Amino acid sequence: MFSISGTFDVVVVNLYPFYDKVTSTGGIEFEDGIENIDIGGPAMIRAA
C-alpha cells in the first residue's frame, strides 16, 4: 500500500478541453458530449 504523509503546496490539473470538443466542426452527438465531460479535474481543484 502507498501512503503519503504531509501536505501539498501545489496542485496541478490539466482540464479536458470540453468546449473545444463539443463545438468542433461537424458537431457532436449528445451521448458523446456526455462521455467527454471532465469530472476528475474540477473535483480535484475544488478539493484543493
PDB file of N, CA and C in Angstrom:
ATOM      1  N   MET A   1       0.845  -1.177   0.000  1.00  0.00           N
ATOM      2  CA  MET A   1       0.000   0.000   0.000  1.00  0.00           C
ATOM      3  C   MET A   1       0.890   1.239   0.000  1.00  0.00           C
ATOM      4  N   PHE A   2       0.476   2.258  -0.716  1.00  0.00           N
ATOM      5  CA  PHE A   2       1.224   3.504  -0.853  1.00  0.00           C
ATOM      6  C   PHE A   2       0.588   4.570   0.019  1.00  0.00           C
ATOM      7  N   SER A   3       1.400   5.270   0.787  1.00  0.00           N
ATOM      8  CA  SER A   3       0.876   6.298   1.684  1.00  0.00           C
ATOM      9  C   SER A   3       1.741   7.553   1.600  1.00  0.00           C
ATOM     10  N   ILE A   4       1.096   8.707   1.622  1.00  0.00           N
ATOM     11  CA  ILE A   4       1.794   9.990   1.626  1.00  0.00           C
ATOM     12  C   ILE A   4       1.399  10.728   2.899  1.00  0.00           C
ATOM     13  N   SER A   5       2.399  11.134   3.658  1.00  0.00           N
ATOM     14  CA  SER A   5       2.089  11.939   4.836  1.00  0.00           C
ATOM     15  C   SER A   5       2.637  13.340   4.613  1.00  0.00           C
ATOM     16  N   GLY A   6       1.946  14.310   5.102  1.00  0.00           N
ATOM     17  CA  GLY A   6       2.347  15.696   4.902  1.00  0.00           C
ATOM     18  C   GLY A   6       1.287  16.448   4.118  1.00  0.00           C
ATOM     19  N   THR A   7       1.672  17.604   3.617  1.00  0.00           N
ATOM     20  CA  THR A   7       0.727  18.429   2.868  1.00  0.00           C
ATOM     21  C   THR A   7       1.259  18.715   1.473  1.00  0.00           C
ATOM     22  N   PHE A   8       0.364  19.126   0.614  1.00  0.00           N
ATOM     23  CA  PHE A   8       0.713  19.529  -0.743  1.00  0.00           C
ATOM     24  C   PHE A   8       0.787  21.049  -0.798  1.00  0.00           C
ATOM     25  N   ASP A   9       1.790  21.581  -1.463  1.00  0.00           N
ATOM     26  CA  ASP A   9       1.901  23.021  -1.649  1.00  0.00           C
ATOM     27  C   ASP A   9       1.216  23.477  -2.926  1.00  0.00           C
ATOM     28  N   VAL A  10       1.231  22.610  -3.943  1.00  0.00           N
ATOM     29  CA  VAL A  10       0.681  22.973  -5.247  1.00  0.00           C
ATOM     30  C   VAL A  10      -0.086  21.787  -5.817  1.00  0.00           C
ATOM     31  N   VAL A  11      -1.237  22.054  -6.413  1.00  0.00           N
ATOM     32  CA  VAL A  11      -1.988  21.037  -7.145  1.00  0.00           C
ATOM     33  C   VAL A  11      -2.047  21.484  -8.592  1.00  0.00           C
ATOM     34  N   VAL A  12      -1.560  20.654  -9.500  1.00  0.00           N
ATOM     35  CA  VAL A  12      -1.552  20.975 -10.927  1.00  0.00           C
ATOM     36  C   VAL A  12      -2.555  20.065 -11.618  1.00  0.00           C
ATOM     37  N   VAL A  13      -3.506  20.670 -12.333  1.00  0.00           N
ATOM     38  CA  VAL A  13      -4.554  19.907 -13.002  1.00  0.00           C
ATOM     39  C   VAL A  13      -4.685  20.394 -14.434  1.00  0.00           C
ATOM     40  N   ASN A  14      -4.673  19.475 -15.381  1.00  0.00           N
ATOM     41  CA  ASN A  14      -4.947  19.803 -16.776  1.00  0.00           C
ATOM     42  C   ASN A  14      -6.404  19.469 -17.055  1.00  0.00           C
ATOM     43  N   LEU A  15      -7.204  20.481 -17.320  1.00  0.00           N
ATOM     44  CA  LEU A  15      -8.618  20.261 -17.599  1.00  0.00           C
ATOM     45  C   LEU A  15      -8.816  19.855 -19.053  1.00  0.00           C
ATOM     46  N   TYR A  16      -9.765  18.957 -19.273  1.00  0.00           N
ATOM     47  CA  TYR A  16     -10.078  18.494 -20.613  1.00  0.00           C
ATOM     48  C   TYR A  16     -10.743  19.637 -21.386  1.00  0.00           C
ATOM     49  N   PRO A  17     -10.367  19.850 -22.642  1.00  0.00           N
ATOM     50  CA  PRO A  17     -10.945  20.957 -23.432  1.00  0.00           C
ATOM     51  C   PRO A  17     -12.364  20.633 -23.913  1.00  0.00           C
ATOM     52  N   PHE A  18     -13.312  20.562 -22.971  1.00  0.00           N
ATOM     53  CA  PHE A  18     -14.684  20.164 -23.293  1.00  0.00           C
ATOM     54  C   PHE A  18     -15.330  21.097 -24.309  1.00  0.00           C
ATOM     55  N   TYR A  19     -15.194  22.403 -24.116  1.00  0.00           N
ATOM     56  CA  TYR A  19     -15.823  23.362 -25.023  1.00  0.00           C
ATOM     57  C   TYR A  19     -15.313  23.174 -26.447  1.00  0.00           C
ATOM     58  N   ASP A  20     -14.011  23.008 -26.604  1.00  0.00           N
ATOM     59  CA  ASP A  20     -13.445  22.802 -27.938  1.00  0.00           C
ATOM     60  C   ASP A  20     -13.974  21.518 -28.570  1.00  0.00           C
ATOM     61  N   LYS A  21     -14.152  20.491 -27.762  1.00  0.00           N
ATOM     62  CA  LYS A  21     -14.632  19.198 -28.271  1.00  0.00           C
ATOM     63  C   LYS A  21     -16.073  19.299 -28.768  1.00  0.00           C
ATOM     64  N   VAL A  22     -16.944  19.937 -27.995  1.00  0.00           N
ATOM     65  CA  VAL A  22     -18.359  19.975 -28.374  1.00  0.00           C
ATOM     66  C   VAL A  22     -18.669  21.024 -29.430  1.00  0.00           C
ATOM     67  N   THR A  23     -17.775  21.976 -29.650  1.00  0.00           N
ATOM     68  CA  THR A  23     -18.022  22.994 -30.673  1.00  0.00           C
ATOM     69  C   THR A  23     -17.175  22.769 -31.920  1.00  0.00           C
ATOM     70  N   SER A  24     -16.556  21.601 -32.032  1.00  0.00           N
ATOM     71  CA  SER A  24     -15.729  21.311 -33.204  1.00  0.00           C
ATOM     72  C   SER A  24     -16.604  21.238 -34.453  1.00  0.00           C
ATOM     73  N   THR A  25     -15.990  21.394 -35.605  1.00  0.00           N
ATOM     74  CA  THR A  25     -16.732  21.364 -36.864  1.00  0.00           C
ATOM     75  C   THR A  25     -17.421  20.020 -37.018  1.00  0.00           C
ATOM     76  N   GLY A  26     -18.627  20.047 -37.509  1.00  0.00           N
ATOM     77  CA  GLY A  26     -19.399  18.826 -37.677  1.00  0.00           C
ATOM     78  C   GLY A  26     -20.265  18.495 -36.477  1.00  0.00           C
ATOM     79  N   GLY A  27     -20.041  19.180 -35.366  1.00  0.00           N
ATOM     80  CA  GLY A  27     -20.858  18.953 -34.181  1.00  0.00           C
ATOM     81  C   GLY A  27     -20.495  17.662 -33.472  1.00  0.00           C
ATOM     82  N   ILE A  28     -21.286  17.335 -32.486  1.00  0.00           N
ATOM     83  CA  ILE A  28     -21.052  16.133 -31.690  1.00  0.00           C
ATOM     84  C   ILE A  28     -22.400  15.633 -31.195  1.00  0.00           C
ATOM     85  N   GLU A  29     -22.553  14.333 -31.096  1.00  0.00           N
ATOM     86  CA  GLU A  29     -23.786  13.751 -30.572  1.00  0.00           C
ATOM     87  C   GLU A  29     -23.872  13.999 -29.063  1.00  0.00           C
ATOM     88  N   PHE A  30     -25.087  14.086 -28.555  1.00  0.00           N
ATOM     89  CA  PHE A  30     -25.303  14.348 -27.134  1.00  0.00           C
ATOM     90  C   PHE A  30     -24.597  13.308 -26.264  1.00  0.00           C
ATOM     91  N   GLU A  31     -24.730  12.035 -26.615  1.00  0.00           N
ATOM     92  CA  GLU A  31     -24.123  10.961 -25.834  1.00  0.00           C
ATOM     93  C   GLU A  31     -22.599  11.084 -25.808  1.00  0.00           C
ATOM     94  N   ASP A  32     -22.007  11.475 -26.949  1.00  0.00           N
ATOM     95  CA  ASP A  32     -20.559  11.668 -26.998  1.00  0.00           C
ATOM     96  C   ASP A  32     -20.144  12.862 -26.142  1.00  0.00           C
ATOM     97  N   GLY A  33     -20.973  13.890 -26.125  1.00  0.00           N
ATOM     98  CA  GLY A  33     -20.692  15.049 -25.282  1.00  0.00           C
ATOM     99  C   GLY A  33     -20.687  14.681 -23.810  1.00  0.00           C
ATOM    100  N   ILE A  34     -21.650  13.867 -23.396  1.00  0.00           N
ATOM    101  CA  ILE A  34     -21.724  13.415 -22.005  1.00  0.00           C
ATOM    102  C   ILE A  34     -20.469  12.625 -21.636  1.00  0.00           C
ATOM    103  N   GLU A  35     -20.005  11.782 -22.547  1.00  0.00           N
ATOM    104  CA  GLU A  35     -18.811  10.975 -22.289  1.00  0.00           C
ATOM    105  C   GLU A  35     -17.550  11.825 -22.154  1.00  0.00           C
ATOM    106  N   ASN A  36     -17.543  13.019 -22.715  1.00  0.00           N
ATOM    107  CA  ASN A  36     -16.356  13.872 -22.706  1.00  0.00           C
ATOM    108  C   ASN A  36     -16.340  14.895 -21.579  1.00  0.00           C
ATOM    109  N   ILE A  37     -17.305  14.852 -20.678  1.00  0.00           N
ATOM    110  CA  ILE A  37     -17.313  15.776 -19.546  1.00  0.00           C
ATOM    111  C   ILE A  37     -16.231  15.353 -18.558  1.00  0.00           C
ATOM    112  N   ASP A  38     -15.381  16.296 -18.182  1.00  0.00           N
ATOM    113  CA  ASP A  38     -14.289  16.037 -17.237  1.00  0.00           C
ATOM    114  C   ASP A  38     -14.818  16.233 -15.823  1.00  0.00           C
ATOM    115  N   ILE A  39     -14.854  15.167 -15.030  1.00  0.00           N
ATOM    116  CA  ILE A  39     -15.309  15.311 -13.643  1.00  0.00           C
ATOM    117  C   ILE A  39     -14.153  15.241 -12.653  1.00  0.00           C
ATOM    118  N   GLY A  40     -13.054  14.621 -13.050  1.00  0.00           N
ATOM    119  CA  GLY A  40     -11.923  14.456 -12.132  1.00  0.00           C
ATOM    120  C   GLY A  40     -11.171  15.744 -11.863  1.00  0.00           C
ATOM    121  N   GLY A  41     -10.882  16.503 -12.922  1.00  0.00           N
ATOM    122  CA  GLY A  41     -10.101  17.731 -12.773  1.00  0.00           C
ATOM    123  C   GLY A  41     -10.779  18.772 -11.901  1.00  0.00           C
ATOM    124  N   PRO A  42     -12.022  19.156 -12.220  1.00  0.00           N
ATOM    125  CA  PRO A  42     -12.706  20.142 -11.377  1.00  0.00           C
ATOM    126  C   PRO A  42     -12.898  19.668  -9.934  1.00  0.00           C
ATOM    127  N   ALA A  43     -13.111  18.378  -9.737  1.00  0.00           N
ATOM    128  CA  ALA A  43     -13.266  17.857  -8.377  1.00  0.00           C
ATOM    129  C   ALA A  43     -11.965  18.011  -7.589  1.00  0.00           C
ATOM    130  N   MET A  44     -10.824  17.759  -8.259  1.00  0.00           N
ATOM    131  CA  MET A  44      -9.534  17.929  -7.591  1.00  0.00           C
ATOM    132  C   MET A  44      -9.274  19.387  -7.241  1.00  0.00           C
ATOM    133  N   ILE A  45      -9.633  20.297  -8.158  1.00  0.00           N
ATOM    134  CA  ILE A  45      -9.438  21.726  -7.901  1.00  0.00           C
ATOM    135  C   ILE A  45     -10.277  22.166  -6.710  1.00  0.00           C
ATOM    136  N   ARG A  46     -11.523  21.720  -6.679  1.00  0.00           N
ATOM    137  CA  ARG A  46     -12.405  22.116  -5.584  1.00  0.00           C
ATOM    138  C   ARG A  46     -11.930  21.546  -4.243  1.00  0.00           C
ATOM    139  N   ALA A  47     -11.444  20.323  -4.268  1.00  0.00           N
ATOM    140  CA  ALA A  47     -10.964  19.698  -3.031  1.00  0.00           C
ATOM    141  C   ALA A  47      -9.702  20.376  -2.507  1.00  0.00           C
ATOM    142  N   ALA A  48      -8.915  20.938  -3.432  1.00  0.00           N
ATOM    143  CA  ALA A  48      -7.665  21.586  -3.001  1.00  0.00           C
ATOM    144  C   ALA A  48      -7.987  22.894  -2.322  1.00  0.00           C
TER     145      ALA A  48
END
